[in-house]
Amino acid sequence: MHTDWIEKGVIADRMRSVRERATDCIHITRERKKTMTIKKKVLVSVCVIAAMLAAALIVLFAGNALLLRRNTQKVPIRSEDFSQKEGDDRIHFLNTGSSDAILIESNGHFALVDAGEDSDYPADRPNLNYTGYEQVVLQYLKDHASDENGKVTLDFVLATHAHSDHMGGFDTVISDPDVTVKRAYLKPYRPDNIRSKEKRQWDNQEVYDQMVQALNARGAEIVSDIPTDAFPFGDFTIRFLNTEIDTEHQGIDENDNSVLTLLEKDGTRALLTGDLNNLSGDETRLGPEIGKIDLLKIGHHGYVFSSSRKFLNTLSPEVTVATNRRSKMIYPTVKWRLALTGSALFTTVDYDGVIAAFPDGGGLVMTDHIMNEEEMALTIPAQK
């Protein structure tokens, strides 16, 4: 009997232990379910917030695109016959991909600001294997800036800064026997204060040297100390800004050295900015000096750090031109800021080049699709 009592007690203890363990398991399971429920709720909340943000961004960018389109549709567009009439005053923004080539025309005078990307590059830097537009630029000049003998005379050329997508095509243009360059405004390239990574990766020195060699070979005047005083050019008044070498900042980007061109006729003003951005505060510094303008060639092709809100608000352009394509290239915040200023946006790739004409008495008239098939066929594809 005593043994039975002990065995029953042991069994009872074990049953209590089993019940306690079962209770613990049930409690743990319930707690886990609660935790899982909380995690699910948190996850669902995060997903809902993410979806709402995504929807808001879609609406924002769609609204941005619609606003830019409406702004652009308000700008007069006319057909262009390219005849060199007395008093014609135009700025030609060529389609050279994501590079700059801008022809200024006034009353029979011509000047070239930048000359597009070139196709050659140093053998040790295959990363610079880009599509070249030097022959496109040259042919456009011969088609639209030549005299009755097929000769092109450029009163001046300006290389805004020593990057191949701006300066690269100049050696080809200058070296052509049918082209005469009277004067070249060329800010000295100073590699000592350029960031080391850029000097390793880019061919700044090479394209600068090629342009200088071509100018010297043709006997063209080189003006390194670029003046800031306004001067007449046909019916335009032109002034250069940001002409001094930046010695204040070390390790800068060559974009910071971009020379700006401010043109004015009958109260209508246009600004060509090269690759100006605000990394070193250049837009903040120059904006108040420039003031209100009517047309802006936005800096650095519309990439990040260019066209800051304060700069655009200060300039308040009615028309902007970007030497680029709109989709996937111009930075979304730049497009949004442009839309909010009420500015129209013409992209040289999507519109296949544009012309801004300055009628007598003021105002702007735009022309798109200015390039012909023969000119664009001279594009040199990047080597595979």
Protein backbone atom coordinates (compact mmCIF):
# COMPACT_ATOMS: atom_id res chain seq x y z
CA MET A 1 0.00 0.00 0.00
CA HIS A 2 2.79 2.31 0.90
CA THR A 3 4.42 1.66 -2.44
CA ASP A 4 1.16 2.31 -4.30
CA TRP A 5 0.80 5.58 -2.49
CA ILE A 6 4.29 6.63 -3.51
CA GLU A 7 3.72 5.61 -7.13
CA LYS A 8 0.43 7.54 -7.19
CA GLY A 9 2.19 10.60 -5.77
CA VAL A 10 4.90 10.35 -8.42
CA ILE A 11 2.31 9.99 -11.14
CA ALA A 12 0.41 13.00 -9.79
CA ASP A 13 3.60 15.05 -9.75
CA ARG A 14 4.37 14.08 -13.30
CA MET A 15 0.85 14.92 -14.40
CA ARG A 16 1.10 18.31 -12.70
CA SER A 17 4.44 18.85 -14.45
CA VAL A 18 2.91 17.90 -17.78
CA ARG A 19 -0.04 20.22 -17.17
CA GLU A 20 2.33 23.05 -16.22
CA ARG A 21 4.41 22.45 -19.33
CA ALA A 22 1.28 22.33 -21.44
CA THR A 23 0.08 25.54 -19.85
CA ASP A 24 3.47 27.12 -20.49
CA CYS A 25 3.35 25.95 -24.11
CA ILE A 26 -0.12 27.39 -24.54
CA HIS A 27 1.01 30.66 -22.98
CA ILE A 28 4.12 30.82 -25.15
CA THR A 29 2.06 29.99 -28.25
CA ARG A 30 -0.41 32.73 -27.40
CA GLU A 31 2.41 35.21 -26.84
CA ARG A 32 4.02 34.23 -30.12
CA LYS A 33 0.70 34.66 -31.87
CA LYS A 34 0.37 38.09 -30.31
CA THR A 35 3.92 38.96 -31.38
CA MET A 36 3.28 37.65 -34.88
CA THR A 37 0.05 39.63 -35.02
CA ILE A 38 1.89 42.79 -33.99
CA LYS A 39 4.64 42.14 -36.56
CA LYS A 40 2.05 41.54 -39.23
CA LYS A 41 0.28 44.76 -38.30
CA VAL A 42 3.57 46.66 -38.40
CA LEU A 43 4.46 45.08 -41.74
CA VAL A 44 1.05 45.87 -43.17
CA SER A 45 1.35 49.46 -41.92
CA VAL A 46 4.80 49.83 -43.49
CA CYS A 47 3.51 48.43 -46.79
CA VAL A 48 0.52 50.78 -46.74
CA ILE A 49 2.75 53.80 -46.03
CA ALA A 50 5.18 52.72 -48.76
CA ALA A 51 2.32 52.31 -51.22
CA MET A 52 0.94 55.73 -50.31
CA LEU A 53 4.38 57.32 -50.75
CA ALA A 54 4.84 55.58 -54.09
CA ALA A 55 1.41 56.77 -55.22
CA ALA A 56 2.24 60.29 -54.07
CA LEU A 57 5.52 60.24 -56.00
CA ILE A 58 3.75 58.97 -59.12
CA VAL A 59 1.18 61.76 -58.83
CA LEU A 60 3.96 64.27 -58.13
CA PHE A 61 6.07 63.30 -61.13
CA ALA A 62 3.01 62.98 -63.36
CA GLY A 63 1.93 66.45 -62.27
CA ASN A 64 5.47 67.71 -62.86
CA ALA A 65 5.50 66.32 -66.42
CA LEU A 66 2.05 67.75 -67.13
CA LEU A 67 3.01 71.16 -65.75
CA LEU A 68 6.22 71.29 -67.80
CA ARG A 69 4.30 70.23 -70.91
CA ARG A 70 1.71 72.96 -70.37
CA ASN A 71 4.44 75.54 -69.74
CA THR A 72 6.17 74.50 -72.97
CA GLN A 73 2.98 74.58 -75.03
CA LYS A 74 2.55 78.27 -74.18
CA VAL A 75 5.78 79.19 -76.00
CA PRO A 76 5.38 80.25 -79.68
CA ILE A 77 7.04 77.84 -82.14
CA ARG A 78 7.64 78.72 -85.77
CA SER A 79 9.16 77.07 -88.82
CA GLU A 80 12.73 78.05 -89.63
CA ASP A 81 14.04 78.62 -93.15
CA PHE A 82 17.61 79.40 -91.97
CA SER A 83 17.96 82.31 -94.35
CA GLN A 84 20.46 84.88 -93.09
CA LYS A 85 18.23 87.91 -93.10
CA GLU A 86 19.42 91.31 -91.96
CA GLY A 87 18.69 91.57 -88.26
CA ASP A 88 18.26 87.85 -87.59
CA ASP A 89 19.34 87.18 -84.03
CA ARG A 90 19.29 83.57 -82.95
CA ILE A 91 20.84 81.05 -80.60
CA HIS A 92 21.11 77.54 -82.08
CA PHE A 93 21.22 74.70 -79.55
CA LEU A 94 22.45 71.69 -81.51
CA ASN A 95 21.48 68.08 -80.86
CA THR A 96 24.77 66.64 -79.69
CA GLY A 97 23.44 64.13 -77.18
CA SER A 98 24.39 64.96 -73.61
CA SER A 99 26.96 67.54 -74.67
CA ASP A 100 26.97 71.25 -75.53
CA ALA A 101 27.34 72.92 -78.92
CA ILE A 102 25.69 76.36 -79.19
CA LEU A 103 25.88 78.66 -82.19
CA ILE A 104 25.19 82.37 -81.68
CA GLU A 105 24.03 84.29 -84.76
CA SER A 106 23.37 87.99 -85.07
CA ASN A 107 23.19 90.21 -88.14
CA GLY A 108 25.56 88.05 -90.15
CA HIS A 109 27.99 87.42 -87.29
CA PHE A 110 28.57 83.97 -85.79
CA ALA A 111 30.16 82.61 -82.62
CA LEU A 112 30.38 79.11 -81.17
CA VAL A 113 30.06 78.30 -77.48
CA ASP A 114 31.37 74.76 -76.94
CA ALA A 115 31.65 72.20 -79.72
CA GLY A 116 30.17 68.92 -78.53
CA GLU A 117 31.65 65.59 -77.42
CA ASP A 118 34.48 64.12 -79.48
CA SER A 119 35.05 60.51 -80.46
CA ASP A 120 38.75 60.16 -79.61
CA TYR A 121 40.05 59.42 -76.13
CA PRO A 122 43.31 58.38 -74.44
CA ALA A 123 44.10 54.69 -74.84
CA ASP A 124 44.52 54.25 -71.10
CA ARG A 125 41.00 55.57 -70.38
CA PRO A 126 38.49 53.37 -72.22
CA ASN A 127 35.78 54.76 -69.94
CA LEU A 128 35.82 57.82 -72.21
CA ASN A 129 34.62 55.85 -75.22
CA TYR A 130 31.66 58.11 -76.03
CA THR A 131 29.62 58.90 -79.10
CA GLY A 132 31.32 61.72 -81.00
CA TYR A 133 29.55 64.75 -82.51
CA GLU A 134 32.47 66.77 -83.83
CA GLN A 135 31.56 66.14 -87.48
CA VAL A 136 27.90 66.95 -86.77
CA VAL A 137 28.89 70.34 -85.37
CA LEU A 138 31.23 71.05 -88.28
CA GLN A 139 28.61 70.19 -90.87
CA TYR A 140 25.96 72.28 -89.11
CA LEU A 141 28.29 75.28 -89.27
CA LYS A 142 28.86 74.73 -92.98
CA ASP A 143 25.13 74.35 -93.58
CA HIS A 144 23.98 77.39 -91.61
CA ALA A 145 26.91 79.74 -90.94
CA SER A 146 28.81 79.76 -94.23
CA ASP A 147 29.08 82.52 -96.82
CA GLU A 148 28.43 82.25 -100.54
CA ASN A 149 31.82 80.54 -100.97
CA GLY A 150 31.11 77.89 -98.34
CA LYS A 151 33.48 79.51 -95.84
CA VAL A 152 32.63 79.82 -92.14
CA THR A 153 33.92 82.77 -90.11
CA LEU A 154 33.47 82.69 -86.35
CA ASP A 155 34.04 86.05 -84.66
CA PHE A 156 34.84 84.11 -81.51
CA VAL A 157 34.66 80.70 -79.92
CA LEU A 158 34.31 80.05 -76.20
CA ALA A 159 35.20 76.82 -74.47
CA THR A 160 33.27 77.06 -71.22
CA HIS A 161 35.55 74.59 -69.42
CA ALA A 162 37.96 71.73 -70.05
CA HIS A 163 35.59 68.77 -70.32
CA SER A 164 35.39 66.76 -73.52
CA ASP A 165 31.59 67.03 -73.75
CA HIS A 166 32.07 70.78 -74.17
CA MET A 167 35.58 71.30 -75.55
CA GLY A 168 36.15 67.98 -77.32
CA GLY A 169 34.95 68.94 -80.81
CA PHE A 170 36.84 72.23 -81.06
CA ASP A 171 40.08 70.84 -82.51
CA THR A 172 38.10 69.34 -85.41
CA VAL A 173 36.17 72.56 -86.06
CA ILE A 174 39.21 74.84 -85.78
CA SER A 175 41.42 72.64 -87.96
CA ASP A 176 38.99 72.54 -90.88
CA PRO A 177 40.32 74.69 -93.76
CA ASP A 178 36.85 76.10 -94.46
CA VAL A 179 36.55 77.51 -90.92
CA THR A 180 38.25 80.68 -89.67
CA VAL A 181 38.27 81.51 -85.97
CA LYS A 182 39.14 85.14 -85.27
CA ARG A 183 39.40 84.85 -81.51
CA ALA A 184 39.18 82.11 -78.88
CA TYR A 185 38.18 82.81 -75.30
CA LEU A 186 39.89 80.04 -73.37
CA LYS A 187 40.18 80.04 -69.61
CA PRO A 188 43.47 78.39 -68.57
CA TYR A 189 43.15 74.84 -67.28
CA ARG A 190 44.77 74.53 -63.86
CA PRO A 191 44.96 70.87 -62.82
CA ASP A 192 46.61 71.68 -59.47
CA ASN A 193 43.27 72.51 -57.80
CA ILE A 194 41.13 69.90 -59.59
CA ARG A 195 40.16 66.83 -57.57
CA SER A 196 42.53 63.92 -58.15
CA LYS A 197 39.81 61.41 -59.08
CA GLU A 198 38.67 63.60 -61.96
CA LYS A 199 42.22 64.00 -63.26
CA ARG A 200 42.67 60.24 -63.25
CA GLN A 201 39.38 59.45 -64.98
CA TRP A 202 38.90 62.31 -67.44
CA ASP A 203 40.93 63.75 -70.30
CA ASN A 204 40.71 67.43 -69.30
CA GLN A 205 44.36 68.14 -70.03
CA GLU A 206 44.28 66.31 -73.34
CA VAL A 207 41.25 68.12 -74.80
CA TYR A 208 42.59 71.46 -73.59
CA ASP A 209 45.97 70.83 -75.22
CA GLN A 210 44.33 69.68 -78.46
CA MET A 211 42.31 72.89 -78.69
CA VAL A 212 45.34 75.09 -77.99
CA GLN A 213 47.41 73.24 -80.59
CA ALA A 214 44.67 73.61 -83.22
CA LEU A 215 44.33 77.35 -82.49
CA ASN A 216 48.08 77.89 -82.69
CA ALA A 217 48.29 75.93 -85.93
CA ARG A 218 45.65 78.19 -87.51
CA GLY A 219 47.10 81.39 -86.02
CA ALA A 220 43.97 82.26 -84.07
CA GLU A 221 44.13 84.73 -81.19
CA ILE A 222 43.81 83.11 -77.77
CA VAL A 223 42.37 85.26 -74.96
CA SER A 224 43.06 83.59 -71.61
CA ASP A 225 42.28 86.62 -69.47
CA ILE A 226 38.61 86.66 -70.38
CA PRO A 227 37.06 90.14 -70.05
CA THR A 228 33.93 90.78 -68.02
CA ASP A 229 32.96 94.05 -69.71
CA ALA A 230 29.96 93.89 -72.02
CA PHE A 231 30.65 94.12 -75.77
CA PRO A 232 28.47 94.30 -78.91
CA PHE A 233 27.98 91.29 -81.13
CA GLY A 234 25.69 92.16 -84.02
CA ASP A 235 22.45 93.22 -82.34
CA PHE A 236 23.32 91.41 -79.12
CA THR A 237 25.19 92.73 -76.13
CA ILE A 238 27.32 89.96 -74.62
CA ARG A 239 28.97 89.67 -71.25
CA PHE A 240 31.03 86.84 -69.72
CA LEU A 241 30.81 85.84 -66.05
CA ASN A 242 32.77 83.49 -63.77
CA THR A 243 35.91 84.19 -65.77
CA GLU A 244 38.41 83.98 -62.91
CA ILE A 245 40.23 80.83 -61.86
CA ASP A 246 38.86 79.39 -58.62
CA THR A 247 41.80 79.50 -56.21
CA GLU A 248 39.69 79.58 -53.06
CA HIS A 249 38.56 75.94 -53.16
CA GLN A 250 40.90 72.96 -53.49
CA GLY A 251 39.90 69.63 -55.02
CA ILE A 252 37.14 71.22 -57.07
CA ASP A 253 35.33 69.86 -60.10
CA GLU A 254 36.28 71.47 -63.42
CA ASN A 255 32.55 72.24 -63.83
CA ASP A 256 33.05 74.96 -61.22
CA ASN A 257 35.26 76.82 -63.70
CA SER A 258 32.49 77.10 -66.31
CA VAL A 259 32.39 80.51 -68.01
CA LEU A 260 28.88 81.93 -68.37
CA THR A 261 27.62 83.91 -71.37
CA LEU A 262 24.91 86.53 -70.84
CA LEU A 263 23.24 87.87 -74.01
CA GLU A 264 20.73 90.69 -74.32
CA LYS A 265 18.73 92.30 -77.13
CA ASP A 266 15.94 94.84 -76.71
CA GLY A 267 15.43 93.85 -73.09
CA THR A 268 15.29 90.09 -73.72
CA ARG A 269 18.06 88.26 -71.90
CA ALA A 270 19.54 84.76 -72.23
CA LEU A 271 22.11 82.95 -70.10
CA LEU A 272 24.34 80.06 -71.20
CA THR A 273 25.79 78.35 -68.15
CA GLY A 274 28.14 75.58 -69.32
CA ASP A 275 28.19 73.05 -66.48
CA LEU A 276 27.54 75.51 -63.65
CA ASN A 277 26.20 73.93 -60.46
CA ASN A 278 26.01 74.86 -56.80
CA LEU A 279 28.48 72.42 -55.24
CA SER A 280 30.84 75.28 -54.45
CA GLY A 281 28.07 77.85 -54.08
CA ASP A 282 28.53 79.33 -57.58
CA GLU A 283 24.81 79.59 -58.32
CA THR A 284 24.23 81.29 -54.98
CA ARG A 285 27.09 83.70 -55.70
CA LEU A 286 26.24 84.53 -59.31
CA GLY A 287 22.43 84.54 -59.21
CA PRO A 288 21.97 88.04 -57.73
CA GLU A 289 24.54 89.46 -60.17
CA ILE A 290 22.66 88.01 -63.14
CA GLY A 291 19.10 88.81 -62.10
CA LYS A 292 15.94 88.15 -64.13
CA ILE A 293 16.39 86.48 -67.51
CA ASP A 294 14.09 85.16 -70.23
CA LEU A 295 15.99 82.09 -71.46
CA LEU A 296 18.27 79.78 -69.50
CA LYS A 297 20.48 77.00 -70.82
CA ILE A 298 20.48 75.02 -67.59
CA GLY A 299 23.81 73.99 -66.10
CA HIS A 300 25.37 70.54 -66.27
CA HIS A 301 22.68 69.09 -68.55
CA GLY A 302 20.13 69.10 -65.71
CA TYR A 303 22.05 66.68 -63.50
CA VAL A 304 22.01 66.63 -59.70
CA PHE A 305 23.37 69.69 -57.84
CA SER A 306 22.51 72.01 -60.75
CA SER A 307 19.62 74.49 -61.06
CA SER A 308 19.06 75.06 -57.35
CA ARG A 309 15.70 76.42 -56.24
CA LYS A 310 17.10 79.81 -55.18
CA PHE A 311 19.00 80.19 -58.46
CA LEU A 312 15.94 79.43 -60.58
CA ASN A 313 13.73 81.69 -58.49
CA THR A 314 16.22 84.54 -58.87
CA LEU A 315 16.55 84.12 -62.65
CA SER A 316 12.89 83.16 -63.19
CA PRO A 317 13.34 82.10 -66.85
CA GLU A 318 10.32 81.75 -69.11
CA VAL A 319 12.16 79.24 -71.31
CA THR A 320 14.83 76.71 -70.38
CA VAL A 321 16.93 74.58 -72.70
CA ALA A 322 18.68 71.40 -71.58
CA THR A 323 21.39 69.83 -73.72
CA ASN A 324 20.17 66.34 -72.93
CA ARG A 325 17.15 64.07 -73.21
CA ARG A 326 14.27 64.52 -70.79
CA SER A 327 13.56 60.91 -69.80
CA LYS A 328 15.91 59.24 -67.28
CA MET A 329 18.59 61.91 -67.72
CA ILE A 330 17.45 65.22 -66.28
CA TYR A 331 17.28 64.88 -62.52
CA PRO A 332 13.68 64.68 -61.19
CA THR A 333 14.15 67.47 -58.66
CA VAL A 334 15.53 69.74 -61.38
CA LYS A 335 12.44 69.14 -63.55
CA TRP A 336 10.20 69.75 -60.57
CA ARG A 337 11.89 73.05 -59.72
CA LEU A 338 11.67 74.14 -63.35
CA ALA A 339 7.96 73.30 -63.44
CA LEU A 340 7.32 75.35 -60.29
CA THR A 341 9.03 78.41 -61.77
CA GLY A 342 6.55 78.25 -64.66
CA SER A 343 9.34 77.68 -67.16
CA ALA A 344 9.03 75.81 -70.45
CA LEU A 345 11.61 73.06 -71.04
CA PHE A 346 13.12 72.23 -74.43
CA THR A 347 15.53 69.29 -74.49
CA THR A 348 17.90 69.21 -77.46
CA VAL A 349 17.71 65.43 -77.95
CA ASP A 350 13.92 65.07 -77.78
CA TYR A 351 13.35 68.19 -79.90
CA ASP A 352 16.28 67.36 -82.22
CA GLY A 353 17.91 70.73 -81.61
CA VAL A 354 16.19 74.06 -80.96
CA ILE A 355 16.63 77.69 -81.98
CA ALA A 356 15.71 80.67 -79.85
CA ALA A 357 15.03 83.73 -82.04
CA PHE A 358 15.07 87.28 -80.64
CA PRO A 359 12.65 89.45 -82.66
CA ASP A 360 13.14 93.22 -82.83
CA GLY A 361 11.37 94.86 -79.92
CA GLY A 362 11.89 91.95 -77.53
CA GLY A 363 10.49 88.49 -76.88
CA LEU A 364 11.41 84.95 -77.85
CA VAL A 365 10.28 82.61 -80.61
CA MET A 366 11.35 78.98 -80.51
CA THR A 367 11.99 76.53 -83.34
CA ASP A 368 12.47 72.79 -82.87
CA HIS A 369 13.78 69.92 -85.03
CA ILE A 370 16.53 72.01 -86.61
CA MET A 371 18.93 69.16 -87.45
CA ASN A 372 18.74 67.34 -90.79
CA GLU A 373 19.39 63.67 -91.49
CA GLU A 374 22.64 64.33 -93.31
CA GLU A 375 24.06 66.17 -90.30
CA MET A 376 23.01 63.55 -87.76
CA ALA A 377 24.34 60.76 -89.99
CA LEU A 378 27.82 62.12 -89.24
CA THR A 379 27.52 61.05 -85.59
CA ILE A 380 30.43 58.76 -84.68
CA PRO A 381 29.10 55.87 -82.53
CA ALA A 382 31.07 54.78 -79.47
CA GLN A 383 33.44 51.96 -80.33
CA LYS A 384 32.36 48.47 -79.23
